[in-house]
Amino acid sequence: MNGTTSEDIGATVLDVVSDVLGRSPEDLRDQPVLAAHDWDSIASLEALAQLESGFGIRLELRDFHAARTVGDMTALVAAALGH
């Protein structure tokens, strides 16, 4: 899961979120706002755990919960990786 380019990071984040939500990546591309899907605290924590484990990073919980879209989440992961 350790994508190194921004494109790889975005694809991996999209895959994790789509898996957690049981939605297709296309659904999330069409409607990237997480609240429009079944995004709740359990889904959020599951995605956080998968992203931290997969990328070998730690994300600030407050910043992670402030992410409203897949793009916001991708930016957080990229920043934690130094991209």
N, C-alpha and C. Protein backbone atom coordinates (compact mmCIF):
# COMPACT_ATOMS: atom_id res chain seq x y z
N MET A 1 0.81 -1.20 0.00
CA MET A 1 0.00 0.00 0.00
C MET A 1 0.85 1.26 0.00
N ASN A 2 2.13 1.13 0.04
CA ASN A 2 3.01 2.29 0.13
C ASN A 2 3.22 2.95 -1.23
N GLY A 3 2.21 3.61 -1.76
CA GLY A 3 2.35 4.36 -2.99
C GLY A 3 3.29 5.54 -2.76
N THR A 4 4.09 5.86 -3.77
CA THR A 4 5.06 6.93 -3.58
C THR A 4 4.73 8.20 -4.33
N THR A 5 4.01 8.10 -5.43
CA THR A 5 3.65 9.32 -6.15
C THR A 5 2.32 9.83 -5.63
N SER A 6 2.05 11.08 -5.91
CA SER A 6 0.77 11.65 -5.49
C SER A 6 -0.40 10.88 -6.09
N GLU A 7 -0.23 10.43 -7.32
CA GLU A 7 -1.28 9.65 -7.97
C GLU A 7 -1.48 8.31 -7.25
N ASP A 8 -0.36 7.65 -6.87
CA ASP A 8 -0.45 6.39 -6.13
C ASP A 8 -1.13 6.59 -4.79
N ILE A 9 -0.77 7.66 -4.11
CA ILE A 9 -1.36 7.96 -2.79
C ILE A 9 -2.87 8.14 -2.95
N GLY A 10 -3.27 8.94 -3.92
CA GLY A 10 -4.69 9.19 -4.14
C GLY A 10 -5.44 7.92 -4.47
N ALA A 11 -4.86 7.06 -5.30
CA ALA A 11 -5.52 5.81 -5.68
C ALA A 11 -5.66 4.89 -4.47
N THR A 12 -4.63 4.84 -3.63
CA THR A 12 -4.68 3.98 -2.45
C THR A 12 -5.70 4.49 -1.45
N VAL A 13 -5.73 5.80 -1.22
CA VAL A 13 -6.71 6.38 -0.30
C VAL A 13 -8.13 6.10 -0.82
N LEU A 14 -8.33 6.29 -2.10
CA LEU A 14 -9.64 6.02 -2.70
C LEU A 14 -10.03 4.55 -2.52
N ASP A 15 -9.08 3.64 -2.73
CA ASP A 15 -9.36 2.21 -2.56
C ASP A 15 -9.74 1.89 -1.12
N VAL A 16 -9.00 2.45 -0.16
CA VAL A 16 -9.30 2.19 1.25
C VAL A 16 -10.69 2.70 1.61
N VAL A 17 -10.97 3.93 1.24
CA VAL A 17 -12.27 4.53 1.59
C VAL A 17 -13.40 3.79 0.90
N SER A 18 -13.23 3.43 -0.36
CA SER A 18 -14.29 2.70 -1.06
C SER A 18 -14.51 1.33 -0.43
N ASP A 19 -13.44 0.68 0.00
CA ASP A 19 -13.57 -0.61 0.67
C ASP A 19 -14.31 -0.47 2.00
N VAL A 20 -13.92 0.51 2.79
CA VAL A 20 -14.54 0.73 4.10
C VAL A 20 -16.03 1.03 3.95
N LEU A 21 -16.37 1.82 2.96
CA LEU A 21 -17.77 2.23 2.77
C LEU A 21 -18.58 1.23 1.95
N GLY A 22 -17.90 0.28 1.31
CA GLY A 22 -18.61 -0.65 0.45
C GLY A 22 -19.17 0.04 -0.78
N ARG A 23 -18.48 1.06 -1.24
CA ARG A 23 -18.88 1.83 -2.43
C ARG A 23 -17.81 1.65 -3.50
N SER A 24 -18.17 1.84 -4.73
CA SER A 24 -17.19 1.75 -5.81
C SER A 24 -16.36 3.04 -5.83
N PRO A 25 -15.12 2.94 -6.32
CA PRO A 25 -14.32 4.16 -6.48
C PRO A 25 -15.03 5.19 -7.36
N GLU A 26 -15.78 4.73 -8.35
CA GLU A 26 -16.51 5.64 -9.23
C GLU A 26 -17.56 6.43 -8.45
N ASP A 27 -18.26 5.76 -7.52
CA ASP A 27 -19.23 6.46 -6.67
C ASP A 27 -18.56 7.59 -5.91
N LEU A 28 -17.37 7.31 -5.39
CA LEU A 28 -16.67 8.32 -4.60
C LEU A 28 -16.08 9.42 -5.47
N ARG A 29 -15.72 9.09 -6.69
CA ARG A 29 -15.25 10.14 -7.61
C ARG A 29 -16.42 11.05 -7.99
N ASP A 30 -17.58 10.44 -8.23
CA ASP A 30 -18.76 11.22 -8.61
C ASP A 30 -19.25 12.09 -7.46
N GLN A 31 -19.16 11.57 -6.23
CA GLN A 31 -19.60 12.30 -5.04
C GLN A 31 -18.53 12.13 -3.97
N PRO A 32 -17.49 13.00 -4.00
CA PRO A 32 -16.36 12.83 -3.09
C PRO A 32 -16.63 13.24 -1.63
N VAL A 33 -17.76 13.87 -1.37
CA VAL A 33 -18.06 14.28 0.00
C VAL A 33 -18.45 13.04 0.80
N LEU A 34 -17.66 12.73 1.82
CA LEU A 34 -17.85 11.50 2.57
C LEU A 34 -19.20 11.43 3.27
N ALA A 35 -19.70 12.56 3.74
CA ALA A 35 -20.98 12.59 4.44
C ALA A 35 -22.14 12.16 3.54
N ALA A 36 -21.95 12.21 2.23
CA ALA A 36 -22.99 11.80 1.30
C ALA A 36 -23.11 10.27 1.24
N HIS A 37 -22.14 9.60 1.83
CA HIS A 37 -22.12 8.13 1.89
C HIS A 37 -22.35 7.74 3.35
N ASP A 38 -22.20 6.51 3.67
CA ASP A 38 -22.44 6.06 5.05
C ASP A 38 -21.20 6.28 5.92
N TRP A 39 -20.65 7.48 5.88
CA TRP A 39 -19.44 7.81 6.63
C TRP A 39 -19.84 8.14 8.07
N ASP A 40 -19.41 7.29 8.99
CA ASP A 40 -19.70 7.53 10.39
C ASP A 40 -18.41 7.31 11.19
N SER A 41 -18.51 7.36 12.50
CA SER A 41 -17.29 7.26 13.33
C SER A 41 -16.61 5.91 13.16
N ILE A 42 -17.37 4.85 12.98
CA ILE A 42 -16.77 3.53 12.81
C ILE A 42 -16.03 3.44 11.48
N ALA A 43 -16.65 3.91 10.41
CA ALA A 43 -16.00 3.92 9.11
C ALA A 43 -14.75 4.79 9.15
N SER A 44 -14.84 5.92 9.81
CA SER A 44 -13.72 6.83 9.92
C SER A 44 -12.54 6.18 10.62
N LEU A 45 -12.80 5.54 11.75
CA LEU A 45 -11.71 4.89 12.49
C LEU A 45 -11.12 3.71 11.73
N GLU A 46 -11.95 2.98 11.01
CA GLU A 46 -11.45 1.87 10.21
C GLU A 46 -10.54 2.38 9.09
N ALA A 47 -10.96 3.43 8.41
CA ALA A 47 -10.14 4.02 7.35
C ALA A 47 -8.85 4.56 7.92
N LEU A 48 -8.93 5.25 9.05
CA LEU A 48 -7.73 5.79 9.70
C LEU A 48 -6.74 4.68 10.00
N ALA A 49 -7.20 3.59 10.60
CA ALA A 49 -6.32 2.48 10.94
C ALA A 49 -5.68 1.87 9.70
N GLN A 50 -6.46 1.69 8.65
CA GLN A 50 -5.92 1.11 7.42
C GLN A 50 -4.90 2.02 6.75
N LEU A 51 -5.18 3.31 6.74
CA LEU A 51 -4.25 4.26 6.11
C LEU A 51 -2.95 4.36 6.90
N GLU A 52 -3.06 4.47 8.22
CA GLU A 52 -1.85 4.57 9.04
C GLU A 52 -1.01 3.30 8.92
N SER A 53 -1.65 2.16 8.97
CA SER A 53 -0.94 0.89 8.88
C SER A 53 -0.33 0.70 7.48
N GLY A 54 -1.12 0.95 6.47
CA GLY A 54 -0.66 0.73 5.10
C GLY A 54 0.46 1.65 4.67
N PHE A 55 0.40 2.90 5.09
CA PHE A 55 1.43 3.86 4.70
C PHE A 55 2.54 3.98 5.74
N GLY A 56 2.36 3.39 6.93
CA GLY A 56 3.37 3.50 7.97
C GLY A 56 3.49 4.92 8.51
N ILE A 57 2.35 5.58 8.70
CA ILE A 57 2.34 6.97 9.15
C ILE A 57 1.42 7.11 10.35
N ARG A 58 1.46 8.27 10.98
CA ARG A 58 0.51 8.65 12.01
C ARG A 58 -0.16 9.93 11.55
N LEU A 59 -1.48 9.95 11.62
CA LEU A 59 -2.24 11.14 11.23
C LEU A 59 -2.84 11.75 12.48
N GLU A 60 -2.89 13.07 12.52
CA GLU A 60 -3.53 13.77 13.64
C GLU A 60 -5.03 13.48 13.57
N LEU A 61 -5.57 12.95 14.64
CA LEU A 61 -6.98 12.57 14.65
C LEU A 61 -7.89 13.75 14.34
N ARG A 62 -7.59 14.89 14.91
CA ARG A 62 -8.42 16.08 14.67
C ARG A 62 -8.42 16.46 13.19
N ASP A 63 -7.24 16.44 12.57
CA ASP A 63 -7.14 16.76 11.14
C ASP A 63 -7.87 15.72 10.29
N PHE A 64 -7.72 14.45 10.68
CA PHE A 64 -8.37 13.38 9.93
C PHE A 64 -9.89 13.53 9.98
N HIS A 65 -10.42 13.81 11.15
CA HIS A 65 -11.87 13.97 11.28
C HIS A 65 -12.37 15.23 10.58
N ALA A 66 -11.49 16.19 10.35
CA ALA A 66 -11.87 17.41 9.64
C ALA A 66 -11.93 17.19 8.12
N ALA A 67 -11.32 16.11 7.64
CA ALA A 67 -11.34 15.81 6.20
C ALA A 67 -12.77 15.51 5.77
N ARG A 68 -13.24 16.23 4.79
CA ARG A 68 -14.63 16.07 4.34
C ARG A 68 -14.74 15.33 3.02
N THR A 69 -13.62 15.21 2.30
CA THR A 69 -13.64 14.55 1.00
C THR A 69 -12.46 13.58 0.90
N VAL A 70 -12.52 12.73 -0.10
CA VAL A 70 -11.40 11.83 -0.37
C VAL A 70 -10.16 12.66 -0.69
N GLY A 71 -10.32 13.76 -1.38
CA GLY A 71 -9.19 14.64 -1.70
C GLY A 71 -8.55 15.22 -0.45
N ASP A 72 -9.37 15.64 0.51
CA ASP A 72 -8.84 16.15 1.78
C ASP A 72 -8.01 15.07 2.47
N MET A 73 -8.53 13.85 2.48
CA MET A 73 -7.84 12.75 3.12
C MET A 73 -6.53 12.43 2.40
N THR A 74 -6.57 12.47 1.09
CA THR A 74 -5.36 12.23 0.30
C THR A 74 -4.30 13.27 0.62
N ALA A 75 -4.70 14.52 0.74
CA ALA A 75 -3.75 15.59 1.07
C ALA A 75 -3.12 15.36 2.44
N LEU A 76 -3.90 14.89 3.42
CA LEU A 76 -3.35 14.61 4.74
C LEU A 76 -2.30 13.50 4.68
N VAL A 77 -2.62 12.44 3.97
CA VAL A 77 -1.69 11.32 3.84
C VAL A 77 -0.42 11.78 3.12
N ALA A 78 -0.60 12.51 2.03
CA ALA A 78 0.56 13.00 1.27
C ALA A 78 1.45 13.89 2.14
N ALA A 79 0.85 14.76 2.93
CA ALA A 79 1.63 15.63 3.81
C ALA A 79 2.38 14.81 4.86
N ALA A 80 1.74 13.79 5.39
CA ALA A 80 2.40 12.94 6.39
C ALA A 80 3.56 12.16 5.78
N LEU A 81 3.48 11.89 4.48
CA LEU A 81 4.55 11.21 3.79
C LEU A 81 5.62 12.16 3.26
N GLY A 82 5.39 13.45 3.44
CA GLY A 82 6.36 14.45 2.97
C GLY A 82 6.23 14.79 1.50
N HIS A 83 5.06 14.59 0.94
CA HIS A 83 4.83 14.91 -0.49
C HIS A 83 4.21 16.27 -0.61
